[in-house]
Amino acid sequence: MKVRTHGEAPSRKTRARRWQRGQAFALMAIAIAPLLGIAGFVVDAGDAYLTHRQAQAGADASALAAAQGLPSLDQAGGLLSSYATKNLPGGTITAVYSSTYIANDTVTTTAKQTRGTFFAKVVGINNFTATAQATAIHGSYQGWSGNVAPWATDKATAQFGQIITFKVAPGDQASSGNFGGVDLPLVSLNCAIGQGGGAYYDLIRNQEHACVVKKGDQLPPEPGDKANTGKALQDRGAIKPFDPWSIIRTLPDGSYGLTTYTHPNLIVIPIIDAFHNGSSAPFNVVGMAWFIITDYTAKTVTGMFLRAEARPGAVCPTASDPNAPCPVGAYDPDGFGTVVFKS
């Protein structure tokens, strides 16, 4: 065995191995540099995507909130400020108001959020700004189908916030031969009008359901005193006596909303322009209203009409489409207000 003494130069093979190791490290450094750049790009791109999502969420939430206050610009502005602070801290949200159905019923929000970069700084990009927009309309449903009762009342009788007896007993009817009953288009009949005591009874107890009833529709009166009204409400599960305020909540703008849309004491009443005294002519529908039943007997129904918003995305079956969306039009303070995104 040859022993290398101190100070003896390394052999040619040893020098070659050292050179190869040096070359490997250099090549590795060259290879890692772009990988680090790619990793840095992925981090910054991911952060940019997240920032844009946050900006879009802030724009969406603020548009929906502001629209609830329209057409009042003061109420919309207050709601916008509150939601902007909550949903996009550190960013900015501005609003522009316009008209779709009536003046100032539409809001477009623009959200901006600026975020600093991490690795992009090495190429001179210190930050990026995400911008997002959303447009929402405060309208009212022009038609409804869920939980519609086979009763009607005229616009003058629908006194909101007051306890009234709305389905009346003999001798107290709104017009000759009519006790507040109407015939409705039924899902089981492919949206044809259902008539008679059986349809009346099944609608009240939620065993039958109405197709869309909308403004301008003509509904035939259901004549006669229906003695099975109380039994149908009992089968429905309606509670008596019942406090209507137990399912009502106060909204930020001072208006009212519902805590549930499925309570057995909550129904929807078609509002007609007028009863026709001594006539069997159809009634003209001019709107819909929430009605909370507070009490009932075999032949009467007592409760309170309520101005309240309706849930967005409601479905109103038609003869051709069982999943048709309920039609939305101009905002009506007495109607079923709803906020929808504008496409």
Protein backbone atom coordinates (compact mmCIF):
# COMPACT_ATOMS: atom_id res chain seq x y z
CA MET A 1 0.00 0.00 0.00
CA LYS A 2 1.22 3.43 -0.89
CA VAL A 3 1.03 6.00 1.90
CA ARG A 4 0.86 9.64 0.92
CA THR A 5 3.15 11.74 3.05
CA HIS A 6 2.28 15.20 4.30
CA GLY A 7 2.52 17.80 1.57
CA GLU A 8 2.38 15.29 -1.27
CA ALA A 9 0.15 16.48 -4.15
CA PRO A 10 -3.18 14.64 -4.65
CA SER A 11 -3.29 12.09 -7.36
CA ARG A 12 -4.89 12.74 -10.72
CA LYS A 13 -7.90 10.53 -9.80
CA THR A 14 -8.44 12.39 -6.55
CA ARG A 15 -8.39 15.74 -8.31
CA ALA A 16 -10.83 14.44 -10.88
CA ARG A 17 -13.27 13.27 -8.20
CA ARG A 18 -13.10 16.65 -6.45
CA TRP A 19 -13.72 18.44 -9.73
CA GLN A 20 -16.73 16.24 -10.44
CA ARG A 21 -18.19 16.94 -7.01
CA GLY A 22 -17.74 20.65 -7.56
CA GLN A 23 -19.44 20.39 -10.91
CA ALA A 24 -22.37 18.49 -9.35
CA PHE A 25 -22.89 21.16 -6.72
CA ALA A 26 -22.77 23.88 -9.36
CA LEU A 27 -25.28 22.06 -11.56
CA MET A 28 -27.52 21.47 -8.56
CA ALA A 29 -27.45 25.17 -7.70
CA ILE A 30 -28.28 26.02 -11.29
CA ALA A 31 -31.18 23.53 -11.25
CA ILE A 32 -32.55 24.67 -7.87
CA ALA A 33 -32.62 28.36 -8.81
CA PRO A 34 -35.54 28.06 -11.29
CA LEU A 35 -37.33 25.64 -8.97
CA LEU A 36 -37.15 28.23 -6.22
CA GLY A 37 -38.44 30.80 -8.68
CA ILE A 38 -41.33 28.54 -9.64
CA ALA A 39 -42.10 27.88 -5.97
CA GLY A 40 -42.02 31.61 -5.29
CA PHE A 41 -44.36 32.22 -8.23
CA VAL A 42 -46.77 29.56 -6.93
CA VAL A 43 -46.80 31.16 -3.46
CA ASP A 44 -47.43 34.65 -4.83
CA ALA A 45 -50.00 33.39 -7.38
CA GLY A 46 -51.85 31.50 -4.65
CA ASP A 47 -51.86 34.58 -2.44
CA ALA A 48 -53.11 36.68 -5.36
CA TYR A 49 -55.94 34.20 -5.98
CA LEU A 50 -56.91 34.26 -2.31
CA THR A 51 -56.85 38.05 -2.28
CA HIS A 52 -59.13 38.17 -5.33
CA ARG A 53 -61.54 35.72 -3.69
CA GLN A 54 -61.64 37.91 -0.60
CA ALA A 55 -62.29 41.00 -2.72
CA GLN A 56 -65.10 39.20 -4.60
CA ALA A 57 -66.66 37.99 -1.37
CA GLY A 58 -66.50 41.53 0.01
CA ALA A 59 -68.11 42.96 -3.13
CA ASP A 60 -70.86 40.31 -3.10
CA ALA A 61 -71.71 40.69 0.59
CA SER A 62 -71.68 44.48 0.43
CA ALA A 63 -73.88 44.57 -2.68
CA LEU A 64 -76.45 42.26 -1.10
CA ALA A 65 -76.40 44.28 2.12
CA ALA A 66 -76.66 47.68 0.44
CA ALA A 67 -79.46 46.49 -1.86
CA GLN A 68 -81.61 45.66 1.16
CA GLY A 69 -81.77 49.37 1.98
CA LEU A 70 -82.72 50.51 -1.53
CA PRO A 71 -84.35 52.54 -2.88
CA SER A 72 -83.27 54.66 0.13
CA LEU A 73 -79.69 55.75 -0.59
CA ASP A 74 -79.14 56.71 3.06
CA GLN A 75 -80.10 53.24 4.30
CA ALA A 76 -78.11 51.55 1.55
CA GLY A 77 -75.03 53.64 2.34
CA GLY A 78 -75.19 52.79 6.04
CA LEU A 79 -75.50 49.07 5.35
CA LEU A 80 -72.68 49.23 2.81
CA SER A 81 -70.30 50.87 5.30
CA SER A 82 -71.08 48.30 7.98
CA TYR A 83 -70.57 45.28 5.72
CA ALA A 84 -67.49 46.72 4.01
CA THR A 85 -65.73 47.04 7.35
CA LYS A 86 -66.64 43.48 8.33
CA ASN A 87 -66.01 41.74 5.03
CA LEU A 88 -62.91 43.47 3.66
CA PRO A 89 -60.78 44.91 6.46
CA GLY A 90 -57.86 46.82 5.02
CA GLY A 91 -59.54 47.11 1.62
CA THR A 92 -61.95 49.59 0.06
CA ILE A 93 -65.48 49.13 -1.25
CA THR A 94 -67.28 51.80 -3.26
CA ALA A 95 -70.82 51.80 -4.68
CA VAL A 96 -72.63 53.20 -7.69
CA TYR A 97 -76.44 53.25 -7.75
CA SER A 98 -78.63 52.84 -10.83
CA SER A 99 -82.14 51.85 -11.88
CA THR A 100 -83.49 48.56 -13.21
CA TYR A 101 -87.23 48.55 -12.44
CA ILE A 102 -87.57 51.78 -10.42
CA ALA A 103 -85.20 54.60 -9.46
CA ASN A 104 -82.23 53.60 -7.29
CA ASP A 105 -83.18 49.94 -6.94
CA THR A 106 -79.77 48.64 -8.11
CA VAL A 107 -76.27 48.87 -6.62
CA THR A 108 -72.89 47.95 -8.10
CA THR A 109 -70.05 47.59 -5.63
CA THR A 110 -66.34 47.65 -6.46
CA ALA A 111 -63.96 46.08 -3.95
CA LYS A 112 -60.19 46.58 -3.97
CA GLN A 113 -57.64 44.80 -1.83
CA THR A 114 -53.85 45.35 -2.03
CA ARG A 115 -51.42 42.72 -0.78
CA GLY A 116 -47.59 42.69 -0.69
CA THR A 117 -45.66 39.98 -2.54
CA PHE A 118 -43.03 37.59 -1.17
CA PHE A 119 -40.78 36.24 -3.93
CA ALA A 120 -41.94 38.53 -6.73
CA LYS A 121 -40.01 41.35 -5.12
CA VAL A 122 -36.84 40.02 -6.75
CA VAL A 123 -38.26 40.98 -10.16
CA GLY A 124 -39.52 44.36 -8.96
CA ILE A 125 -43.15 43.46 -8.13
CA ASN A 126 -43.71 44.61 -4.56
CA ASN A 127 -47.51 44.25 -4.36
CA PHE A 128 -50.60 43.50 -6.36
CA THR A 129 -54.17 44.82 -6.21
CA ALA A 130 -57.23 42.61 -6.62
CA THR A 131 -60.43 44.25 -7.94
CA ALA A 132 -63.90 42.68 -7.98
CA GLN A 133 -67.43 43.88 -8.72
CA ALA A 134 -70.96 42.76 -7.86
CA THR A 135 -74.38 44.09 -8.82
CA ALA A 136 -77.58 43.45 -6.86
CA ILE A 137 -81.19 44.55 -7.30
CA HIS A 138 -83.80 45.09 -4.61
CA GLY A 139 -87.03 43.92 -6.22
CA SER A 140 -90.21 42.12 -5.26
CA TYR A 141 -91.62 38.80 -6.31
CA GLN A 142 -94.40 39.28 -8.84
CA GLY A 143 -95.66 35.77 -8.15
CA TRP A 144 -95.51 33.10 -5.45
CA SER A 145 -96.49 29.49 -4.92
CA GLY A 146 -95.20 28.24 -1.58
CA ASN A 147 -97.74 27.88 1.19
CA VAL A 148 -100.48 29.83 -0.62
CA ALA A 149 -103.83 29.46 1.15
CA PRO A 150 -107.15 29.22 -0.74
CA TRP A 151 -108.27 32.57 0.68
CA ALA A 152 -108.12 36.13 -0.59
CA THR A 153 -108.67 39.58 0.79
CA ASP A 154 -108.84 42.99 -0.82
CA LYS A 155 -106.01 45.50 -0.54
CA ALA A 156 -107.99 47.78 1.78
CA THR A 157 -108.57 44.96 4.29
CA ALA A 158 -104.92 43.86 4.46
CA GLN A 159 -104.01 46.11 7.40
CA PHE A 160 -100.38 45.26 8.18
CA GLY A 161 -99.39 44.79 11.81
CA GLN A 162 -102.97 44.62 13.10
CA ILE A 163 -104.84 41.57 14.36
CA ILE A 164 -107.87 41.03 12.16
CA THR A 165 -110.40 38.27 11.53
CA PHE A 166 -109.83 37.64 7.91
CA LYS A 167 -111.79 34.47 7.07
CA VAL A 168 -115.27 35.32 8.25
CA ALA A 169 -118.42 33.58 9.43
CA PRO A 170 -121.87 33.67 7.82
CA GLY A 171 -123.55 37.07 7.98
CA ASP A 172 -120.17 38.80 8.03
CA GLN A 173 -118.92 37.92 4.58
CA ALA A 174 -117.11 40.36 2.33
CA SER A 175 -119.61 40.00 -0.48
CA SER A 176 -122.71 38.03 -1.24
CA GLY A 177 -122.01 34.30 -1.16
CA ASN A 178 -118.25 34.74 -0.64
CA PHE A 179 -116.43 34.12 2.62
CA GLY A 180 -112.90 34.86 1.44
CA GLY A 181 -112.33 31.57 -0.40
CA VAL A 182 -110.66 31.30 -3.83
CA ASP A 183 -109.73 28.50 -6.19
CA LEU A 184 -106.02 28.10 -6.97
CA PRO A 185 -103.98 26.41 -9.72
CA LEU A 186 -102.82 23.06 -8.34
CA VAL A 187 -99.59 21.14 -8.86
CA SER A 188 -101.50 17.85 -8.93
CA LEU A 189 -103.64 19.16 -11.82
CA ASN A 190 -100.65 20.35 -13.87
CA CYS A 191 -101.47 23.90 -12.75
CA ALA A 192 -105.15 23.81 -13.75
CA ILE A 193 -107.59 25.47 -11.33
CA GLY A 194 -108.77 23.17 -8.54
CA GLN A 195 -112.32 23.56 -7.31
CA GLY A 196 -114.50 22.33 -4.50
CA GLY A 197 -114.21 21.50 -0.83
CA GLY A 198 -111.60 18.77 -1.31
CA ALA A 199 -109.05 21.09 -2.93
CA TYR A 200 -109.83 23.78 -0.34
CA TYR A 201 -109.26 21.36 2.54
CA ASP A 202 -106.05 19.86 1.12
CA LEU A 203 -104.48 23.25 0.40
CA ILE A 204 -105.00 24.42 3.97
CA ARG A 205 -103.57 21.28 5.53
CA ASN A 206 -100.58 21.29 3.15
CA GLN A 207 -101.49 18.06 1.37
CA GLU A 208 -101.95 19.99 -1.86
CA HIS A 209 -99.79 22.81 -3.25
CA ALA A 210 -100.42 25.73 -5.55
CA CYS A 211 -98.59 26.56 -8.74
CA VAL A 212 -97.42 30.12 -9.22
CA VAL A 213 -100.01 32.80 -8.43
CA LYS A 214 -98.89 36.17 -9.82
CA LYS A 215 -100.02 39.73 -10.22
CA GLY A 216 -102.67 40.05 -12.90
CA ASP A 217 -103.97 36.49 -12.47
CA GLN A 218 -107.71 35.89 -12.30
CA LEU A 219 -108.77 33.59 -9.46
CA PRO A 220 -112.32 32.20 -9.30
CA PRO A 221 -114.10 32.65 -5.95
CA GLU A 222 -114.80 29.50 -3.96
CA PRO A 223 -118.35 30.18 -2.82
CA GLY A 224 -120.08 29.02 0.29
CA ASP A 225 -119.25 28.73 3.95
CA LYS A 226 -116.52 26.11 4.40
CA ALA A 227 -117.20 24.52 7.76
CA ASN A 228 -114.05 22.38 7.55
CA THR A 229 -111.69 25.39 7.83
CA GLY A 230 -110.90 24.79 11.49
CA LYS A 231 -110.39 21.03 11.01
CA ALA A 232 -108.02 21.66 8.11
CA LEU A 233 -105.94 24.10 10.21
CA GLN A 234 -105.87 21.59 13.06
CA ASP A 235 -104.60 18.90 10.68
CA ARG A 236 -102.03 21.38 9.43
CA GLY A 237 -100.66 21.72 12.96
CA ALA A 238 -101.57 25.39 13.41
CA ILE A 239 -101.26 26.51 17.05
CA LYS A 240 -103.88 28.54 18.89
CA PRO A 241 -103.55 30.94 20.47
CA PHE A 242 -100.28 31.95 18.87
CA ASP A 243 -97.99 34.97 19.34
CA PRO A 244 -97.05 36.23 15.84
CA TRP A 245 -93.98 38.07 17.16
CA SER A 246 -92.39 34.76 18.11
CA ILE A 247 -91.45 34.22 14.44
CA ILE A 248 -90.67 37.85 13.54
CA ARG A 249 -87.25 39.49 13.66
CA THR A 250 -86.29 43.15 13.28
CA LEU A 251 -83.84 43.93 10.47
CA PRO A 252 -81.03 46.54 10.68
CA ASP A 253 -83.09 49.09 8.72
CA GLY A 254 -86.03 48.74 11.13
CA SER A 255 -88.16 46.58 8.84
CA TYR A 256 -89.28 43.06 9.69
CA GLY A 257 -88.19 39.64 8.61
CA LEU A 258 -89.27 36.09 9.40
CA THR A 259 -87.27 33.62 11.43
CA THR A 260 -88.87 30.73 9.51
CA TYR A 261 -90.79 30.15 6.31
CA THR A 262 -92.21 26.77 7.33
CA HIS A 263 -94.14 27.42 10.55
CA PRO A 264 -97.68 25.95 10.35
CA ASN A 265 -99.17 29.29 11.47
CA LEU A 266 -97.53 31.14 8.56
CA ILE A 267 -99.42 31.29 5.26
CA VAL A 268 -99.48 33.40 2.11
CA ILE A 269 -102.64 35.24 1.10
CA PRO A 270 -103.37 36.48 -2.43
CA ILE A 271 -104.34 40.17 -2.31
CA ILE A 272 -107.09 41.16 -4.76
CA ASP A 273 -108.18 44.58 -5.95
CA ALA A 274 -111.79 44.25 -4.71
CA PHE A 275 -114.58 41.82 -3.91
CA HIS A 276 -117.42 41.74 -6.44
CA ASN A 277 -120.65 42.10 -4.51
CA GLY A 278 -123.26 39.70 -5.82
CA SER A 279 -121.03 38.47 -8.65
CA SER A 280 -119.14 35.26 -9.27
CA ALA A 281 -116.60 36.98 -11.53
CA PRO A 282 -112.96 36.08 -10.93
CA PHE A 283 -110.85 38.23 -8.63
CA ASN A 284 -107.90 40.20 -9.96
CA VAL A 285 -104.67 39.49 -8.04
CA VAL A 286 -102.60 42.60 -7.23
CA GLY A 287 -100.07 41.08 -4.83
CA MET A 288 -99.29 38.59 -2.09
CA ALA A 289 -98.86 39.01 1.67
CA TRP A 290 -97.60 37.03 4.64
CA PHE A 291 -100.30 36.20 7.17
CA ILE A 292 -99.58 34.78 10.63
CA ILE A 293 -102.52 32.90 12.12
CA THR A 294 -103.09 33.79 15.78
CA ASP A 295 -106.40 31.95 16.32
CA TYR A 296 -109.12 30.12 14.45
CA THR A 297 -112.51 28.48 14.86
CA ALA A 298 -114.46 26.05 12.70
CA LYS A 299 -115.28 28.84 10.24
CA THR A 300 -113.06 31.85 10.99
CA VAL A 301 -109.37 32.70 10.82
CA THR A 302 -107.76 35.49 12.84
CA GLY A 303 -104.22 36.77 12.48
CA MET A 304 -101.86 39.50 11.35
CA PHE A 305 -100.64 40.58 7.94
CA LEU A 306 -96.91 41.29 7.90
CA ARG A 307 -94.65 43.24 5.57
CA ALA A 308 -91.52 41.11 5.32
CA GLU A 309 -88.87 40.06 2.85
CA ALA A 310 -89.03 36.69 1.12
CA ARG A 311 -86.18 34.24 0.70
CA PRO A 312 -84.15 34.57 -2.50
CA GLY A 313 -84.24 31.82 -5.09
CA ALA A 314 -87.83 30.76 -4.47
CA VAL A 315 -89.35 28.23 -6.88
CA CYS A 316 -92.77 28.73 -8.51
CA PRO A 317 -93.99 25.68 -10.47
CA THR A 318 -95.69 26.25 -13.80
CA ALA A 319 -97.39 23.82 -16.15
CA SER A 320 -94.19 23.55 -18.24
CA ASP A 321 -91.52 23.85 -15.53
CA PRO A 322 -91.92 22.48 -11.98
CA ASN A 323 -88.69 24.24 -10.93
CA ALA A 324 -89.30 27.65 -12.49
CA PRO A 325 -87.97 30.57 -10.42
CA CYS A 326 -90.54 32.94 -9.00
CA PRO A 327 -90.72 36.06 -11.19
CA VAL A 328 -89.09 39.22 -9.80
CA GLY A 329 -90.02 42.79 -10.74
CA ALA A 330 -90.20 46.28 -9.29
CA TYR A 331 -89.83 46.67 -5.54
CA ASP A 332 -93.16 46.95 -3.69
CA PRO A 333 -93.01 47.88 0.02
CA ASP A 334 -96.21 45.89 0.57
CA GLY A 335 -94.99 42.91 -1.44
CA PHE A 336 -92.44 40.15 -1.08
CA GLY A 337 -89.16 42.02 -1.33
CA THR A 338 -86.06 40.10 -2.34
CA VAL A 339 -82.48 40.87 -3.32
CA VAL A 340 -81.02 39.18 -6.39
CA PHE A 341 -77.69 39.37 -8.21
CA LYS A 342 -77.85 40.93 -11.64
CA SER A 343 -76.24 38.82 -14.34
